[in-house]
Amino acid sequence: MSRYRQNPTIAWRQIDDQSVLIDPVSGVVFVLNELGGQVWELLEHARDTHELVNEVRNARPAAPVSLGDDIDRFLTALVERELAVATA
């Protein structure tokens, strides 16, 4: 199972309930909602999808049933945009 972590070259800040990520190479800015920001912060240390889902569910007991699928899609998007890296 893959583990994911933040790409260390990405700069980011928490602003109110959003996380703002900046790719210094391309200059592209990404804005994450509160849930995306929570997952992003958890990726400070490498985690697999199962760990992420458990941690989010612990913090948000009312998280949707689709949380695992949502996190999978989010991780795929982060890796495709080189905001996060996957490790074996």
N, C-alpha and C. Protein backbone atom coordinates (compact mmCIF):
# COMPACT_ATOMS: atom_id res chain seq x y z
N MET A 1 0.85 -1.18 0.00
CA MET A 1 0.00 0.00 0.00
C MET A 1 0.89 1.24 0.00
N SER A 2 0.56 2.20 -0.85
CA SER A 2 1.34 3.43 -0.95
C SER A 2 1.13 4.31 0.27
N ARG A 3 2.18 5.05 0.60
CA ARG A 3 2.12 6.07 1.64
C ARG A 3 2.34 7.40 0.95
N TYR A 4 1.71 8.42 1.47
CA TYR A 4 1.75 9.74 0.84
C TYR A 4 2.28 10.75 1.84
N ARG A 5 2.94 11.77 1.31
CA ARG A 5 3.42 12.87 2.15
C ARG A 5 3.47 14.13 1.31
N GLN A 6 3.52 15.27 2.00
CA GLN A 6 3.62 16.55 1.31
C GLN A 6 4.90 16.60 0.50
N ASN A 7 4.84 17.22 -0.66
CA ASN A 7 6.06 17.53 -1.41
C ASN A 7 6.73 18.66 -0.62
N PRO A 8 7.96 18.45 -0.16
CA PRO A 8 8.59 19.46 0.70
C PRO A 8 8.90 20.78 0.01
N THR A 9 8.79 20.85 -1.29
CA THR A 9 9.05 22.11 -1.99
C THR A 9 7.83 23.03 -2.02
N ILE A 10 6.67 22.51 -1.62
CA ILE A 10 5.44 23.28 -1.67
C ILE A 10 5.32 24.17 -0.44
N ALA A 11 5.09 25.45 -0.67
CA ALA A 11 4.87 26.40 0.42
C ALA A 11 3.38 26.43 0.72
N TRP A 12 3.03 26.59 1.99
CA TRP A 12 1.60 26.65 2.31
C TRP A 12 1.36 27.42 3.59
N ARG A 13 0.13 27.91 3.68
CA ARG A 13 -0.33 28.66 4.86
C ARG A 13 -1.79 28.31 5.12
N GLN A 14 -2.15 28.34 6.37
CA GLN A 14 -3.55 28.19 6.77
C GLN A 14 -4.13 29.60 6.89
N ILE A 15 -5.22 29.87 6.19
CA ILE A 15 -5.90 31.16 6.26
C ILE A 15 -7.37 30.87 6.55
N ASP A 16 -7.79 31.21 7.75
CA ASP A 16 -9.14 30.91 8.23
C ASP A 16 -9.37 29.40 8.11
N ASP A 17 -10.38 28.98 7.35
CA ASP A 17 -10.67 27.56 7.23
C ASP A 17 -10.17 26.97 5.91
N GLN A 18 -9.26 27.66 5.26
CA GLN A 18 -8.70 27.17 3.99
C GLN A 18 -7.18 27.05 4.09
N SER A 19 -6.64 26.11 3.36
CA SER A 19 -5.19 25.98 3.23
C SER A 19 -4.81 26.44 1.83
N VAL A 20 -3.80 27.29 1.76
CA VAL A 20 -3.34 27.82 0.48
C VAL A 20 -1.97 27.23 0.20
N LEU A 21 -1.86 26.51 -0.92
CA LEU A 21 -0.61 25.87 -1.33
C LEU A 21 -0.06 26.61 -2.53
N ILE A 22 1.25 26.80 -2.55
CA ILE A 22 1.89 27.49 -3.67
C ILE A 22 3.03 26.62 -4.18
N ASP A 23 2.98 26.33 -5.47
CA ASP A 23 4.07 25.62 -6.12
C ASP A 23 5.08 26.67 -6.56
N PRO A 24 6.25 26.75 -5.90
CA PRO A 24 7.20 27.81 -6.22
C PRO A 24 7.81 27.69 -7.61
N VAL A 25 7.77 26.51 -8.18
CA VAL A 25 8.32 26.31 -9.53
C VAL A 25 7.39 26.91 -10.58
N SER A 26 6.12 26.55 -10.51
CA SER A 26 5.17 27.02 -11.52
C SER A 26 4.47 28.31 -11.10
N GLY A 27 4.48 28.62 -9.80
CA GLY A 27 3.78 29.79 -9.31
C GLY A 27 2.28 29.58 -9.16
N VAL A 28 1.81 28.36 -9.39
CA VAL A 28 0.39 28.06 -9.30
C VAL A 28 -0.03 27.99 -7.83
N VAL A 29 -1.19 28.57 -7.54
CA VAL A 29 -1.74 28.59 -6.19
C VAL A 29 -2.93 27.63 -6.13
N PHE A 30 -3.00 26.83 -5.10
CA PHE A 30 -4.10 25.91 -4.88
C PHE A 30 -4.74 26.26 -3.55
N VAL A 31 -6.05 26.29 -3.50
CA VAL A 31 -6.78 26.57 -2.27
C VAL A 31 -7.58 25.33 -1.90
N LEU A 32 -7.35 24.84 -0.68
CA LEU A 32 -8.04 23.65 -0.20
C LEU A 32 -9.10 24.04 0.81
N ASN A 33 -10.21 23.33 0.77
CA ASN A 33 -11.25 23.56 1.78
C ASN A 33 -10.78 22.99 3.12
N GLU A 34 -11.64 23.08 4.11
CA GLU A 34 -11.26 22.66 5.47
C GLU A 34 -10.85 21.18 5.52
N LEU A 35 -11.61 20.31 4.88
CA LEU A 35 -11.27 18.88 4.89
C LEU A 35 -9.98 18.63 4.14
N GLY A 36 -9.83 19.23 2.96
CA GLY A 36 -8.58 19.08 2.21
C GLY A 36 -7.39 19.58 3.01
N GLY A 37 -7.58 20.68 3.71
CA GLY A 37 -6.51 21.21 4.55
C GLY A 37 -6.15 20.28 5.68
N GLN A 38 -7.16 19.63 6.25
CA GLN A 38 -6.89 18.66 7.32
C GLN A 38 -6.05 17.50 6.80
N VAL A 39 -6.43 16.97 5.63
CA VAL A 39 -5.66 15.87 5.05
C VAL A 39 -4.25 16.36 4.71
N TRP A 40 -4.15 17.55 4.15
CA TRP A 40 -2.84 18.11 3.80
C TRP A 40 -1.93 18.16 5.04
N GLU A 41 -2.45 18.66 6.14
CA GLU A 41 -1.65 18.75 7.36
C GLU A 41 -1.23 17.37 7.84
N LEU A 42 -2.11 16.37 7.72
CA LEU A 42 -1.76 15.02 8.12
C LEU A 42 -0.63 14.45 7.26
N LEU A 43 -0.50 14.96 6.04
CA LEU A 43 0.54 14.47 5.13
C LEU A 43 1.92 15.04 5.45
N GLU A 44 2.02 15.79 6.54
CA GLU A 44 3.34 16.25 6.98
C GLU A 44 4.24 15.04 7.25
N HIS A 45 3.61 13.96 7.70
CA HIS A 45 4.30 12.68 7.90
C HIS A 45 3.64 11.66 6.97
N ALA A 46 4.43 10.78 6.40
CA ALA A 46 3.90 9.80 5.44
C ALA A 46 2.80 8.96 6.07
N ARG A 47 1.72 8.84 5.35
CA ARG A 47 0.57 8.05 5.81
C ARG A 47 -0.05 7.35 4.60
N ASP A 48 -0.69 6.22 4.87
CA ASP A 48 -1.44 5.56 3.80
C ASP A 48 -2.91 5.99 3.91
N THR A 49 -3.69 5.61 2.93
CA THR A 49 -5.08 6.03 2.87
C THR A 49 -5.85 5.59 4.11
N HIS A 50 -5.62 4.37 4.55
CA HIS A 50 -6.33 3.84 5.71
C HIS A 50 -6.05 4.71 6.95
N GLU A 51 -4.80 5.08 7.15
CA GLU A 51 -4.44 5.94 8.29
C GLU A 51 -5.13 7.30 8.19
N LEU A 52 -5.14 7.86 6.99
CA LEU A 52 -5.78 9.16 6.79
C LEU A 52 -7.28 9.09 7.08
N VAL A 53 -7.93 8.07 6.58
CA VAL A 53 -9.37 7.93 6.81
C VAL A 53 -9.65 7.80 8.30
N ASN A 54 -8.87 6.98 9.00
CA ASN A 54 -9.08 6.80 10.44
C ASN A 54 -8.89 8.12 11.20
N GLU A 55 -7.85 8.85 10.87
CA GLU A 55 -7.58 10.10 11.57
C GLU A 55 -8.67 11.14 11.30
N VAL A 56 -9.12 11.22 10.05
CA VAL A 56 -10.17 12.18 9.72
C VAL A 56 -11.47 11.77 10.42
N ARG A 57 -11.81 10.48 10.40
CA ARG A 57 -13.04 10.01 11.07
C ARG A 57 -12.99 10.28 12.57
N ASN A 58 -11.81 10.14 13.19
CA ASN A 58 -11.69 10.44 14.61
C ASN A 58 -11.98 11.90 14.89
N ALA A 59 -11.56 12.77 14.00
CA ALA A 59 -11.77 14.21 14.17
C ALA A 59 -13.16 14.64 13.70
N ARG A 60 -13.73 13.88 12.78
CA ARG A 60 -15.03 14.24 12.18
C ARG A 60 -15.94 13.00 12.15
N PRO A 61 -16.54 12.67 13.27
CA PRO A 61 -17.38 11.46 13.30
C PRO A 61 -18.51 11.47 12.27
N ALA A 62 -18.95 12.65 11.85
CA ALA A 62 -20.04 12.74 10.87
C ALA A 62 -19.53 12.75 9.43
N ALA A 63 -18.27 12.37 9.22
CA ALA A 63 -17.71 12.34 7.86
C ALA A 63 -18.55 11.42 6.98
N PRO A 64 -18.67 11.74 5.70
CA PRO A 64 -19.51 10.94 4.81
C PRO A 64 -18.99 9.52 4.63
N VAL A 65 -19.90 8.63 4.28
CA VAL A 65 -19.54 7.23 4.03
C VAL A 65 -18.50 7.15 2.92
N SER A 66 -18.53 8.08 1.98
CA SER A 66 -17.62 8.07 0.83
C SER A 66 -16.24 8.62 1.17
N LEU A 67 -15.94 8.86 2.44
CA LEU A 67 -14.68 9.50 2.83
C LEU A 67 -13.46 8.81 2.24
N GLY A 68 -13.41 7.49 2.29
CA GLY A 68 -12.25 6.76 1.75
C GLY A 68 -12.05 7.03 0.27
N ASP A 69 -13.14 6.99 -0.49
CA ASP A 69 -13.06 7.28 -1.93
C ASP A 69 -12.68 8.73 -2.17
N ASP A 70 -13.24 9.63 -1.35
CA ASP A 70 -12.92 11.05 -1.49
C ASP A 70 -11.43 11.30 -1.25
N ILE A 71 -10.90 10.68 -0.22
CA ILE A 71 -9.47 10.85 0.10
C ILE A 71 -8.61 10.24 -0.99
N ASP A 72 -9.00 9.09 -1.52
CA ASP A 72 -8.25 8.48 -2.63
C ASP A 72 -8.18 9.43 -3.83
N ARG A 73 -9.31 10.02 -4.20
CA ARG A 73 -9.33 10.95 -5.34
C ARG A 73 -8.49 12.19 -5.04
N PHE A 74 -8.57 12.68 -3.82
CA PHE A 74 -7.80 13.85 -3.42
C PHE A 74 -6.30 13.56 -3.49
N LEU A 75 -5.88 12.40 -2.99
CA LEU A 75 -4.46 12.04 -3.04
C LEU A 75 -3.97 11.91 -4.48
N THR A 76 -4.79 11.31 -5.32
CA THR A 76 -4.44 11.18 -6.74
C THR A 76 -4.23 12.55 -7.35
N ALA A 77 -5.12 13.49 -7.06
CA ALA A 77 -4.99 14.85 -7.60
C ALA A 77 -3.74 15.53 -7.06
N LEU A 78 -3.44 15.36 -5.77
CA LEU A 78 -2.24 15.97 -5.20
C LEU A 78 -0.98 15.43 -5.87
N VAL A 79 -0.92 14.12 -6.08
CA VAL A 79 0.25 13.50 -6.71
C VAL A 79 0.37 13.94 -8.17
N GLU A 80 -0.75 13.97 -8.89
CA GLU A 80 -0.72 14.40 -10.30
C GLU A 80 -0.21 15.83 -10.44
N ARG A 81 -0.52 16.66 -9.48
CA ARG A 81 -0.09 18.07 -9.52
C ARG A 81 1.27 18.28 -8.82
N GLU A 82 1.86 17.17 -8.40
CA GLU A 82 3.16 17.15 -7.72
C GLU A 82 3.17 17.96 -6.42
N LEU A 83 2.02 18.02 -5.77
CA LEU A 83 1.90 18.66 -4.47
C LEU A 83 2.23 17.67 -3.35
N ALA A 84 2.01 16.40 -3.64
CA ALA A 84 2.33 15.33 -2.70
C ALA A 84 3.10 14.25 -3.46
N VAL A 85 3.79 13.42 -2.70
CA VAL A 85 4.55 12.33 -3.30
C VAL A 85 4.08 11.01 -2.68
N ALA A 86 4.07 9.97 -3.50
CA ALA A 86 3.72 8.64 -3.05
C ALA A 86 4.98 7.81 -2.90
N THR A 87 5.04 7.05 -1.83
CA THR A 87 6.17 6.15 -1.60
C THR A 87 5.66 4.74 -1.41
N ALA A 88 6.51 3.79 -1.68
CA ALA A 88 6.09 2.37 -1.54
C ALA A 88 6.16 1.94 -0.10
